Amino acid sequence: MGRAFEFRKERKMKRWGHMAKVFTKLGKEITIAVKQGGAEVTGNPRLRALLAEARAESMPKENVERAIKKATEAKTGDFKELVYEGFGPFGIAYLVEAATDNNTRTVANVRSYFTKCGGSLQTSGSVAFMFDHKCVFRIKEDPAKPIDIDELELELIDFGAEEVFKQEVEDEDENVSVEISIYGDYTAYGQIQKYIEEKGYELISGGFEQIPNVDLKEVTPEQRATLDKLTGLLEDDDDVTAVYNTMAPEA
């Protein structure tokens, strides 16, 4: 198994530690998807994937409807998807994705978090080359119809997939299910989603992630505590949708 597997294993359910944050993130992404591709689900593959994720996360129907309505209201400002780059302390590179209707506010907040923890916000291109932009899908395996992972990977390679692997996932009630993660170049998003839908697999989520392509840096427990503080400040910002860095996973 490759880098994407290790990345997913380290980050499993860590990006969004509580429901409110999950719903805020999904709500913004649904609004953006509708603004970009329309509210008609059949013609908007990104929206279909987000609605599948909303169901998997038990996002209330009214929250979804509110996000869609928000996208169609003339008075609603446009959310823009932006990427901020910076260095945390100890030479750790950070890539911060945000969806905001006020870049001035968001960049000021992000800069303050870096400064507070001994890091610095950088200009565009400073650290982006250290990450590969990937599309990622998660599908649920039907216990009655186990999926041959090798066969699936061979088929998906023709659609742009680069890495496919299984994971056992335990929910809050300690129920265990099997999920399959599919990674590919971000340009393969549409092809992979089309394959999943045509095969009738249960889609849990479909989106994009930034995978470090450099050697991850080992840090001491004390350094990790400072870096975790920075990561926490960034993730807790309402405008931030994802945070990536080049810190090695905790042993």
Protein backbone atom coordinates (compact mmCIF):
# COMPACT_ATOMS: atom_id res chain seq x y z
CA MET A 1 0.00 0.00 0.00
CA GLY A 2 1.23 3.46 -0.84
CA ARG A 3 1.44 6.97 0.50
CA ALA A 4 -2.28 7.65 0.13
CA PHE A 5 -3.10 4.70 2.43
CA GLU A 6 -0.75 5.95 5.14
CA PHE A 7 -2.15 9.45 4.74
CA ARG A 8 -5.72 8.22 5.07
CA LYS A 9 -4.84 6.03 8.05
CA GLU A 10 -3.25 8.95 9.90
CA ARG A 11 -6.04 11.38 9.11
CA LYS A 12 -9.02 9.04 9.55
CA MET A 13 -11.83 11.11 11.03
CA LYS A 14 -9.28 13.62 12.34
CA ARG A 15 -10.05 16.43 9.92
CA TRP A 16 -13.48 17.15 11.39
CA GLY A 17 -13.66 16.27 15.04
CA HIS A 18 -17.29 17.19 15.67
CA MET A 19 -20.58 17.25 13.80
CA ALA A 20 -21.01 21.02 13.68
CA LYS A 21 -17.75 21.38 11.80
CA VAL A 22 -18.66 18.59 9.39
CA PHE A 23 -22.00 20.20 8.58
CA THR A 24 -20.46 23.66 8.14
CA LYS A 25 -17.87 22.29 5.74
CA LEU A 26 -20.38 20.27 3.73
CA GLY A 27 -22.84 23.15 3.65
CA LYS A 28 -20.28 25.48 2.08
CA GLU A 29 -19.16 22.85 -0.42
CA ILE A 30 -22.76 22.13 -1.43
CA THR A 31 -23.39 25.86 -1.93
CA ILE A 32 -20.28 26.17 -4.10
CA ALA A 33 -21.18 23.07 -6.11
CA VAL A 34 -24.66 24.43 -6.83
CA LYS A 35 -23.31 27.83 -7.83
CA GLN A 36 -20.83 26.20 -10.19
CA GLY A 37 -22.94 23.39 -11.64
CA GLY A 38 -26.56 24.13 -10.83
CA ALA A 39 -29.05 22.57 -8.42
CA GLU A 40 -30.07 19.76 -10.79
CA VAL A 41 -28.46 16.63 -9.29
CA THR A 42 -28.41 14.62 -12.51
CA GLY A 43 -26.25 17.20 -14.24
CA ASN A 44 -23.98 18.00 -11.33
CA PRO A 45 -21.67 15.09 -10.38
CA ARG A 46 -19.89 17.09 -7.67
CA LEU A 47 -23.22 17.83 -6.00
CA ARG A 48 -24.22 14.13 -6.19
CA ALA A 49 -21.03 13.13 -4.37
CA LEU A 50 -21.53 15.79 -1.71
CA LEU A 51 -25.13 14.71 -1.10
CA ALA A 52 -23.90 11.12 -0.67
CA GLU A 53 -21.37 12.34 1.88
CA ALA A 54 -24.05 14.38 3.66
CA ARG A 55 -26.16 11.22 4.00
CA ALA A 56 -23.18 9.25 5.28
CA GLU A 57 -22.51 11.96 7.87
CA SER A 58 -26.21 12.05 8.90
CA MET A 59 -26.44 15.71 7.95
CA PRO A 60 -30.03 16.89 8.53
CA LYS A 61 -32.10 17.32 5.38
CA GLU A 62 -32.95 20.90 6.31
CA ASN A 63 -29.22 21.77 6.43
CA VAL A 64 -28.77 20.42 2.91
CA GLU A 65 -31.82 22.28 1.60
CA ARG A 66 -30.60 25.49 3.27
CA ALA A 67 -27.19 25.19 1.57
CA ILE A 68 -28.81 24.66 -1.84
CA LYS A 69 -31.22 27.57 -1.32
CA LYS A 70 -28.35 29.80 -0.25
CA ALA A 71 -26.62 29.19 -3.57
CA THR A 72 -29.67 30.38 -5.52
CA GLU A 73 -30.31 33.56 -3.54
CA ALA A 74 -29.15 36.71 -5.32
CA LYS A 75 -28.19 38.38 -2.04
CA THR A 76 -25.76 35.62 -1.14
CA GLY A 77 -22.12 36.52 -1.70
CA ASP A 78 -20.00 34.17 -3.73
CA PHE A 79 -17.94 31.69 -1.75
CA LYS A 80 -14.49 31.33 -3.30
CA GLU A 81 -12.26 28.32 -2.78
CA LEU A 82 -8.78 29.50 -1.86
CA VAL A 83 -5.51 27.86 -0.83
CA TYR A 84 -3.11 29.44 1.66
CA GLU A 85 0.49 28.29 2.04
CA GLY A 86 2.79 28.66 4.99
CA PHE A 87 5.41 27.23 7.27
CA GLY A 88 4.68 26.23 10.81
CA PRO A 89 7.46 26.08 13.37
CA PHE A 90 10.26 23.51 12.95
CA GLY A 91 10.15 23.72 9.15
CA ILE A 92 6.79 21.99 8.70
CA ALA A 93 4.99 23.03 5.50
CA TYR A 94 1.26 23.75 5.62
CA LEU A 95 -1.38 23.90 2.90
CA VAL A 96 -4.68 25.38 4.06
CA GLU A 97 -7.85 25.16 1.96
CA ALA A 98 -10.72 27.56 2.61
CA ALA A 99 -14.12 28.52 1.25
CA THR A 100 -14.83 32.15 2.02
CA ASP A 101 -16.90 35.13 0.95
CA ASN A 102 -14.38 37.51 2.52
CA ASN A 103 -10.75 36.81 1.67
CA THR A 104 -9.53 39.80 3.70
CA ARG A 105 -11.02 38.34 6.88
CA THR A 106 -9.87 34.81 6.19
CA VAL A 107 -6.27 35.62 5.25
CA ALA A 108 -5.95 37.83 8.34
CA ASN A 109 -7.17 35.01 10.56
CA VAL A 110 -4.92 32.41 8.93
CA ARG A 111 -1.89 34.70 9.21
CA SER A 112 -2.61 35.30 12.89
CA TYR A 113 -2.70 31.55 13.62
CA PHE A 114 0.69 31.03 11.98
CA THR A 115 2.18 34.01 13.81
CA LYS A 116 0.76 32.92 17.17
CA CYS A 117 2.46 29.51 16.87
CA GLY A 118 5.82 30.70 15.56
CA GLY A 119 5.14 30.11 11.87
CA SER A 120 4.52 32.38 8.90
CA LEU A 121 2.10 32.70 6.02
CA GLN A 122 3.89 32.50 2.66
CA THR A 123 3.21 33.56 -0.91
CA SER A 124 1.52 31.31 -3.45
CA GLY A 125 3.80 28.56 -4.70
CA SER A 126 5.98 28.42 -1.61
CA VAL A 127 4.88 24.96 -0.47
CA ALA A 128 2.24 23.78 -2.97
CA PHE A 129 4.88 21.84 -4.91
CA MET A 130 5.32 19.61 -1.85
CA PHE A 131 1.80 18.22 -2.29
CA ASP A 132 -0.01 16.32 -5.05
CA HIS A 133 -3.63 17.25 -5.72
CA LYS A 134 -5.66 14.02 -5.78
CA CYS A 135 -9.30 13.08 -6.12
CA VAL A 136 -10.48 10.56 -3.57
CA PHE A 137 -13.63 8.48 -3.33
CA ARG A 138 -14.85 6.22 -0.56
CA ILE A 139 -17.32 3.43 -1.30
CA LYS A 140 -18.95 0.98 1.11
CA GLU A 141 -18.52 -2.74 0.62
CA ASP A 142 -21.69 -4.82 0.83
CA PRO A 143 -20.94 -7.69 3.30
CA ALA A 144 -23.04 -9.98 1.10
CA LYS A 145 -20.99 -9.10 -1.98
CA PRO A 146 -17.30 -8.79 -1.04
CA ILE A 147 -15.26 -6.84 -3.57
CA ASP A 148 -12.07 -8.30 -5.02
CA ILE A 149 -9.76 -5.34 -4.41
CA ASP A 150 -7.15 -6.44 -6.95
CA GLU A 151 -9.74 -6.87 -9.69
CA LEU A 152 -11.31 -3.52 -8.83
CA GLU A 153 -7.96 -1.77 -8.96
CA LEU A 154 -7.16 -3.27 -12.36
CA GLU A 155 -10.46 -1.98 -13.74
CA LEU A 156 -10.11 1.45 -12.18
CA ILE A 157 -6.60 2.02 -13.55
CA ASP A 158 -8.22 2.56 -16.95
CA PHE A 159 -10.29 5.36 -15.41
CA GLY A 160 -7.35 7.18 -13.84
CA ALA A 161 -7.14 5.54 -10.40
CA GLU A 162 -3.65 5.31 -8.91
CA GLU A 163 -4.24 3.60 -5.58
CA VAL A 164 -7.11 1.48 -4.24
CA PHE A 165 -7.30 -0.09 -0.79
CA LYS A 166 -9.70 -1.44 1.85
CA GLN A 167 -10.08 -0.30 5.44
CA GLU A 168 -12.20 -1.45 8.35
CA VAL A 169 -14.03 1.51 9.87
CA GLU A 170 -15.65 1.56 13.30
CA ASP A 171 -18.49 3.99 14.00
CA GLU A 172 -19.50 5.57 17.30
CA ASP A 173 -21.56 2.49 18.18
CA GLU A 174 -18.52 0.24 17.55
CA ASN A 175 -20.11 -1.24 14.43
CA VAL A 176 -17.43 -2.25 11.93
CA SER A 177 -17.85 -1.85 8.18
CA VAL A 178 -15.48 -2.09 5.24
CA GLU A 179 -14.74 0.95 3.11
CA ILE A 180 -12.74 1.12 -0.09
CA SER A 181 -10.72 4.25 -0.82
CA ILE A 182 -9.85 5.19 -4.39
CA TYR A 183 -7.20 7.79 -5.18
CA GLY A 184 -6.34 9.29 -8.55
CA ASP A 185 -5.11 12.49 -10.14
CA TYR A 186 -7.60 15.32 -9.59
CA THR A 187 -8.35 15.38 -13.34
CA ALA A 188 -9.72 11.81 -13.12
CA TYR A 189 -12.56 12.82 -10.78
CA GLY A 190 -15.37 12.63 -13.35
CA GLN A 191 -14.25 9.34 -14.89
CA ILE A 192 -13.90 7.56 -11.55
CA GLN A 193 -17.22 8.85 -10.24
CA LYS A 194 -18.97 7.74 -13.44
CA TYR A 195 -17.50 4.23 -13.04
CA ILE A 196 -18.64 4.01 -9.40
CA GLU A 197 -22.18 5.13 -10.24
CA GLU A 198 -22.52 2.85 -13.27
CA LYS A 199 -21.37 -0.16 -11.23
CA GLY A 200 -23.91 0.63 -8.53
CA TYR A 201 -21.44 0.92 -5.65
CA GLU A 202 -22.60 2.78 -2.53
CA LEU A 203 -20.74 6.09 -2.60
CA ILE A 204 -19.82 7.45 0.83
CA SER A 205 -17.92 10.52 -0.33
CA GLY A 206 -16.07 11.99 -3.27
CA GLY A 207 -13.74 14.94 -3.14
CA PHE A 208 -10.17 16.12 -3.27
CA GLU A 209 -7.14 15.92 -0.99
CA GLN A 210 -3.57 17.14 -0.99
CA ILE A 211 -1.06 14.33 -0.47
CA PRO A 212 2.51 15.22 0.61
CA ASN A 213 5.05 14.11 -2.00
CA VAL A 214 8.12 14.80 0.14
CA ASP A 215 9.61 12.87 3.06
CA LEU A 216 7.55 13.67 6.15
CA LYS A 217 9.50 15.33 8.92
CA GLU A 218 9.91 13.67 12.31
CA VAL A 219 9.29 15.91 15.32
CA THR A 220 9.65 15.61 19.08
CA PRO A 221 6.57 15.29 21.33
CA GLU A 222 7.06 18.90 22.42
CA GLN A 223 7.27 20.11 18.84
CA ARG A 224 4.21 18.05 17.90
CA ALA A 225 2.21 19.73 20.66
CA THR A 226 2.96 23.16 19.17
CA LEU A 227 2.19 21.99 15.64
CA ASP A 228 -1.05 20.35 16.77
CA LYS A 229 -2.04 23.67 18.33
CA LEU A 230 -1.50 25.42 15.00
CA THR A 231 -3.44 22.73 13.15
CA GLY A 232 -6.27 23.01 15.66
CA LEU A 233 -6.50 26.79 15.33
CA LEU A 234 -6.65 26.50 11.56
CA GLU A 235 -9.22 23.68 11.53
CA ASP A 236 -11.46 25.50 14.01
CA ASP A 237 -11.76 28.53 11.72
CA ASP A 238 -15.19 28.54 10.08
CA ASP A 239 -13.73 29.44 6.68
CA VAL A 240 -11.14 26.65 6.63
CA THR A 241 -12.22 23.40 4.99
CA ALA A 242 -9.01 21.33 5.14
CA VAL A 243 -5.48 21.51 6.56
CA TYR A 244 -2.49 19.51 5.31
CA ASN A 245 1.11 19.44 6.49
CA THR A 246 4.38 17.58 6.10
CA MET A 247 4.71 16.36 9.70
CA ALA A 248 5.37 12.63 10.10
CA PRO A 249 2.55 10.65 11.77
CA GLU A 250 2.83 10.02 15.48
CA ALA A 251 4.46 6.67 16.17
